[in-house]
N, C-alpha and C. Protein backbone atom coordinates (compact mmCIF):
# COMPACT_ATOMS: atom_id res chain seq x y z
N UNK A 1 -75.79 -12.28 -56.16
CA UNK A 1 -74.95 -11.46 -55.32
C UNK A 1 -73.77 -11.00 -56.18
N UNK A 2 -73.54 -9.73 -56.18
CA UNK A 2 -72.43 -9.16 -56.93
C UNK A 2 -71.38 -8.68 -55.94
N UNK A 3 -70.16 -9.15 -56.16
CA UNK A 3 -69.06 -8.70 -55.31
C UNK A 3 -67.93 -8.22 -56.21
N UNK A 4 -67.07 -7.43 -55.67
CA UNK A 4 -65.94 -6.92 -56.44
C UNK A 4 -64.66 -7.64 -56.09
N UNK A 5 -63.62 -7.31 -56.81
CA UNK A 5 -62.31 -7.93 -56.61
C UNK A 5 -61.74 -7.62 -55.23
N UNK A 6 -62.23 -6.56 -54.60
CA UNK A 6 -61.72 -6.18 -53.29
C UNK A 6 -61.93 -7.25 -52.23
N UNK A 7 -63.00 -8.02 -52.35
CA UNK A 7 -63.24 -9.09 -51.37
C UNK A 7 -62.13 -10.12 -51.46
N UNK A 8 -61.81 -10.53 -52.66
CA UNK A 8 -60.73 -11.52 -52.83
C UNK A 8 -59.38 -10.90 -52.50
N UNK A 9 -59.15 -9.68 -52.95
CA UNK A 9 -57.86 -9.02 -52.71
C UNK A 9 -57.60 -8.87 -51.21
N UNK A 10 -58.62 -8.52 -50.46
CA UNK A 10 -58.43 -8.35 -49.02
C UNK A 10 -58.20 -9.69 -48.31
N UNK A 11 -58.51 -10.79 -49.01
CA UNK A 11 -58.25 -12.12 -48.46
C UNK A 11 -56.87 -12.62 -48.86
N UNK A 12 -56.17 -11.85 -49.69
CA UNK A 12 -54.84 -12.25 -50.11
C UNK A 12 -54.78 -12.86 -51.50
N UNK A 13 -55.91 -12.90 -52.20
CA UNK A 13 -55.93 -13.41 -53.56
C UNK A 13 -55.71 -12.22 -54.48
N UNK A 14 -54.69 -12.28 -55.32
CA UNK A 14 -54.39 -11.11 -56.15
C UNK A 14 -55.47 -10.82 -57.19
N UNK A 15 -55.53 -9.57 -57.59
CA UNK A 15 -56.41 -9.17 -58.67
C UNK A 15 -55.82 -9.68 -59.99
N UNK A 16 -56.50 -9.42 -61.09
CA UNK A 16 -56.00 -9.86 -62.40
C UNK A 16 -54.59 -9.34 -62.66
N UNK A 17 -54.34 -8.09 -62.30
CA UNK A 17 -52.99 -7.54 -62.49
C UNK A 17 -51.94 -8.33 -61.71
N UNK A 18 -52.28 -8.70 -60.50
CA UNK A 18 -51.36 -9.47 -59.68
C UNK A 18 -51.09 -10.86 -60.25
N UNK A 19 -52.13 -11.48 -60.79
CA UNK A 19 -51.98 -12.79 -61.41
C UNK A 19 -51.13 -12.68 -62.67
N UNK A 20 -51.36 -11.63 -63.46
CA UNK A 20 -50.55 -11.42 -64.66
C UNK A 20 -49.08 -11.22 -64.28
N UNK A 21 -48.82 -10.45 -63.24
CA UNK A 21 -47.44 -10.24 -62.77
C UNK A 21 -46.80 -11.55 -62.32
N UNK A 22 -47.58 -12.38 -61.66
CA UNK A 22 -47.07 -13.69 -61.21
C UNK A 22 -46.70 -14.56 -62.41
N UNK A 23 -47.54 -14.57 -63.43
CA UNK A 23 -47.24 -15.34 -64.64
C UNK A 23 -45.97 -14.81 -65.30
N UNK A 24 -45.84 -13.48 -65.34
CA UNK A 24 -44.66 -12.88 -65.97
C UNK A 24 -43.37 -13.29 -65.27
N UNK A 25 -43.40 -13.39 -63.96
CA UNK A 25 -42.18 -13.73 -63.22
C UNK A 25 -41.96 -15.24 -63.12
N UNK A 26 -43.02 -15.99 -62.88
CA UNK A 26 -42.88 -17.43 -62.69
C UNK A 26 -42.61 -18.17 -64.00
N UNK A 27 -43.25 -17.72 -65.07
CA UNK A 27 -43.12 -18.38 -66.38
C UNK A 27 -42.47 -17.42 -67.37
N UNK A 28 -41.34 -16.88 -66.94
CA UNK A 28 -40.68 -15.81 -67.69
C UNK A 28 -40.34 -16.21 -69.14
N UNK A 29 -39.84 -17.41 -69.37
CA UNK A 29 -39.47 -17.83 -70.72
C UNK A 29 -40.67 -17.83 -71.66
N UNK A 30 -41.78 -18.42 -71.19
CA UNK A 30 -42.99 -18.46 -72.02
C UNK A 30 -43.54 -17.05 -72.23
N UNK A 31 -43.50 -16.26 -71.16
CA UNK A 31 -44.02 -14.90 -71.25
C UNK A 31 -43.22 -14.07 -72.26
N UNK A 32 -41.91 -14.13 -72.17
CA UNK A 32 -41.05 -13.33 -73.06
C UNK A 32 -41.27 -13.70 -74.52
N UNK A 33 -41.51 -14.97 -74.78
CA UNK A 33 -41.69 -15.43 -76.15
C UNK A 33 -43.03 -14.94 -76.73
N UNK A 34 -44.09 -14.92 -75.92
CA UNK A 34 -45.43 -14.60 -76.42
C UNK A 34 -45.86 -13.16 -76.19
N UNK A 35 -45.31 -12.51 -75.19
CA UNK A 35 -45.64 -11.11 -74.84
C UNK A 35 -47.15 -10.83 -74.78
N UNK A 36 -47.87 -11.54 -73.93
CA UNK A 36 -49.32 -11.31 -73.82
C UNK A 36 -49.62 -9.93 -73.24
N UNK A 37 -50.77 -9.39 -73.60
CA UNK A 37 -51.19 -8.07 -73.10
C UNK A 37 -52.37 -8.18 -72.12
N UNK A 38 -53.35 -8.97 -72.47
CA UNK A 38 -54.58 -9.08 -71.67
C UNK A 38 -54.52 -10.29 -70.73
N UNK A 39 -55.44 -10.29 -69.76
CA UNK A 39 -55.49 -11.37 -68.77
C UNK A 39 -55.67 -12.73 -69.44
N UNK A 40 -56.61 -12.84 -70.38
CA UNK A 40 -56.86 -14.13 -71.04
C UNK A 40 -55.62 -14.62 -71.79
N UNK A 41 -54.91 -13.70 -72.39
CA UNK A 41 -53.68 -14.08 -73.10
C UNK A 41 -52.62 -14.57 -72.12
N UNK A 42 -52.55 -13.95 -70.95
CA UNK A 42 -51.60 -14.40 -69.92
C UNK A 42 -51.94 -15.83 -69.51
N UNK A 43 -53.22 -16.10 -69.33
CA UNK A 43 -53.63 -17.43 -68.90
C UNK A 43 -53.33 -18.49 -69.96
N UNK A 44 -53.32 -18.09 -71.23
CA UNK A 44 -53.01 -19.02 -72.31
C UNK A 44 -51.51 -19.34 -72.37
N UNK A 45 -50.69 -18.53 -71.73
CA UNK A 45 -49.24 -18.76 -71.70
C UNK A 45 -48.93 -20.05 -70.95
N UNK A 46 -49.75 -20.37 -69.95
CA UNK A 46 -49.48 -21.55 -69.12
C UNK A 46 -50.51 -22.64 -69.41
N UNK A 47 -50.16 -23.86 -69.06
CA UNK A 47 -51.03 -25.01 -69.31
C UNK A 47 -52.20 -25.00 -68.32
N UNK A 48 -53.27 -25.75 -68.62
CA UNK A 48 -54.37 -25.85 -67.66
C UNK A 48 -53.92 -26.34 -66.29
N UNK A 49 -53.00 -27.27 -66.25
CA UNK A 49 -52.49 -27.77 -64.96
C UNK A 49 -51.76 -26.65 -64.22
N UNK A 50 -50.94 -25.88 -64.92
CA UNK A 50 -50.23 -24.76 -64.30
C UNK A 50 -51.20 -23.70 -63.82
N UNK A 51 -52.27 -23.45 -64.59
CA UNK A 51 -53.30 -22.49 -64.17
C UNK A 51 -53.93 -22.93 -62.86
N UNK A 52 -54.30 -24.20 -62.81
CA UNK A 52 -54.95 -24.74 -61.61
C UNK A 52 -54.01 -24.63 -60.41
N UNK A 53 -52.75 -24.98 -60.60
CA UNK A 53 -51.78 -24.89 -59.51
C UNK A 53 -51.60 -23.44 -59.04
N UNK A 54 -51.54 -22.51 -59.99
CA UNK A 54 -51.37 -21.10 -59.67
C UNK A 54 -52.55 -20.59 -58.84
N UNK A 55 -53.76 -20.84 -59.32
CA UNK A 55 -54.96 -20.37 -58.62
C UNK A 55 -55.09 -21.06 -57.27
N UNK A 56 -54.84 -22.37 -57.23
CA UNK A 56 -54.95 -23.10 -55.96
C UNK A 56 -53.96 -22.58 -54.93
N UNK A 57 -52.77 -22.20 -55.36
CA UNK A 57 -51.78 -21.65 -54.43
C UNK A 57 -52.33 -20.38 -53.77
N UNK A 58 -52.97 -19.53 -54.57
CA UNK A 58 -53.55 -18.31 -54.00
C UNK A 58 -54.71 -18.63 -53.06
N UNK A 59 -55.57 -19.54 -53.48
CA UNK A 59 -56.74 -19.89 -52.68
C UNK A 59 -56.33 -20.56 -51.37
N UNK A 60 -55.36 -21.45 -51.44
CA UNK A 60 -54.92 -22.15 -50.23
C UNK A 60 -54.29 -21.21 -49.20
N UNK A 61 -53.74 -20.10 -49.66
CA UNK A 61 -53.12 -19.13 -48.75
C UNK A 61 -54.06 -17.98 -48.38
N UNK A 62 -55.27 -18.00 -48.91
CA UNK A 62 -56.22 -16.91 -48.65
C UNK A 62 -56.71 -16.96 -47.21
N UNK A 63 -57.11 -15.80 -46.73
CA UNK A 63 -57.65 -15.67 -45.37
C UNK A 63 -59.08 -15.12 -45.46
N UNK A 64 -59.96 -15.76 -44.72
CA UNK A 64 -61.35 -15.29 -44.70
C UNK A 64 -61.39 -13.88 -44.13
N UNK A 65 -62.33 -13.09 -44.64
CA UNK A 65 -62.52 -11.76 -44.09
C UNK A 65 -64.01 -11.58 -43.79
N UNK A 66 -64.41 -10.49 -43.16
CA UNK A 66 -65.82 -10.31 -42.79
C UNK A 66 -66.78 -10.42 -43.98
N UNK A 67 -66.40 -9.97 -45.15
CA UNK A 67 -67.29 -10.05 -46.31
C UNK A 67 -67.64 -11.50 -46.63
N UNK A 68 -66.67 -12.40 -46.51
CA UNK A 68 -66.94 -13.82 -46.76
C UNK A 68 -67.96 -14.35 -45.75
N UNK A 69 -67.80 -13.96 -44.51
CA UNK A 69 -68.72 -14.42 -43.46
C UNK A 69 -70.13 -13.89 -43.69
N UNK A 70 -70.24 -12.63 -44.10
CA UNK A 70 -71.56 -12.05 -44.39
C UNK A 70 -72.22 -12.76 -45.57
N UNK A 71 -71.43 -13.02 -46.62
CA UNK A 71 -71.99 -13.72 -47.78
C UNK A 71 -72.46 -15.12 -47.39
N UNK A 72 -71.69 -15.80 -46.57
CA UNK A 72 -72.08 -17.13 -46.11
C UNK A 72 -73.38 -17.08 -45.33
N UNK A 73 -73.53 -16.08 -44.48
CA UNK A 73 -74.76 -15.93 -43.70
C UNK A 73 -75.97 -15.68 -44.60
N UNK A 74 -75.80 -14.86 -45.60
CA UNK A 74 -76.89 -14.57 -46.54
C UNK A 74 -77.27 -15.82 -47.32
N UNK A 75 -76.29 -16.54 -47.82
CA UNK A 75 -76.56 -17.76 -48.58
C UNK A 75 -77.27 -18.79 -47.71
N UNK A 76 -76.84 -18.95 -46.48
CA UNK A 76 -77.50 -19.89 -45.57
C UNK A 76 -78.94 -19.46 -45.27
N UNK A 77 -79.17 -18.17 -45.13
CA UNK A 77 -80.53 -17.67 -44.88
C UNK A 77 -81.44 -17.98 -46.07
N UNK A 78 -80.94 -17.86 -47.27
CA UNK A 78 -81.73 -18.18 -48.47
C UNK A 78 -82.02 -19.68 -48.50
N UNK A 79 -81.02 -20.49 -48.21
CA UNK A 79 -81.20 -21.95 -48.23
C UNK A 79 -82.24 -22.40 -47.21
N UNK A 80 -82.31 -21.70 -46.08
CA UNK A 80 -83.26 -22.07 -45.02
C UNK A 80 -84.60 -21.34 -45.18
N UNK A 81 -84.76 -20.65 -46.29
CA UNK A 81 -85.99 -19.92 -46.61
C UNK A 81 -86.28 -18.77 -45.66
N UNK A 82 -85.27 -18.26 -44.98
CA UNK A 82 -85.44 -17.05 -44.18
C UNK A 82 -85.52 -15.83 -45.11
N UNK A 83 -84.89 -15.95 -46.22
CA UNK A 83 -84.96 -14.93 -47.28
C UNK A 83 -85.49 -15.62 -48.54
N UNK A 84 -86.34 -14.93 -49.28
CA UNK A 84 -86.88 -15.56 -50.49
C UNK A 84 -86.00 -15.32 -51.70
N UNK A 85 -85.40 -14.18 -51.74
CA UNK A 85 -84.57 -13.84 -52.90
C UNK A 85 -83.24 -13.29 -52.42
N UNK A 86 -82.28 -13.53 -53.22
CA UNK A 86 -80.95 -13.01 -52.92
C UNK A 86 -80.67 -11.84 -53.81
């Protein structure tokens, strides 16, 4: 199943740009020193623990939307062999 960033964004989880902006503001000292350009470089600015906390904060505040419910229904149908392929 292929989904786009819009599913997460509509649930309140920011896109890569939003996460980069959050890192720039929350970890300003580290950001200013390293001046990352790409998403992966932004993620390297913070520790693994800080990354997990950042992502978990977004996930914990996310709201389910219809796309999530449809995906769940499709996955359950595959698990119950109502559908053979996804």
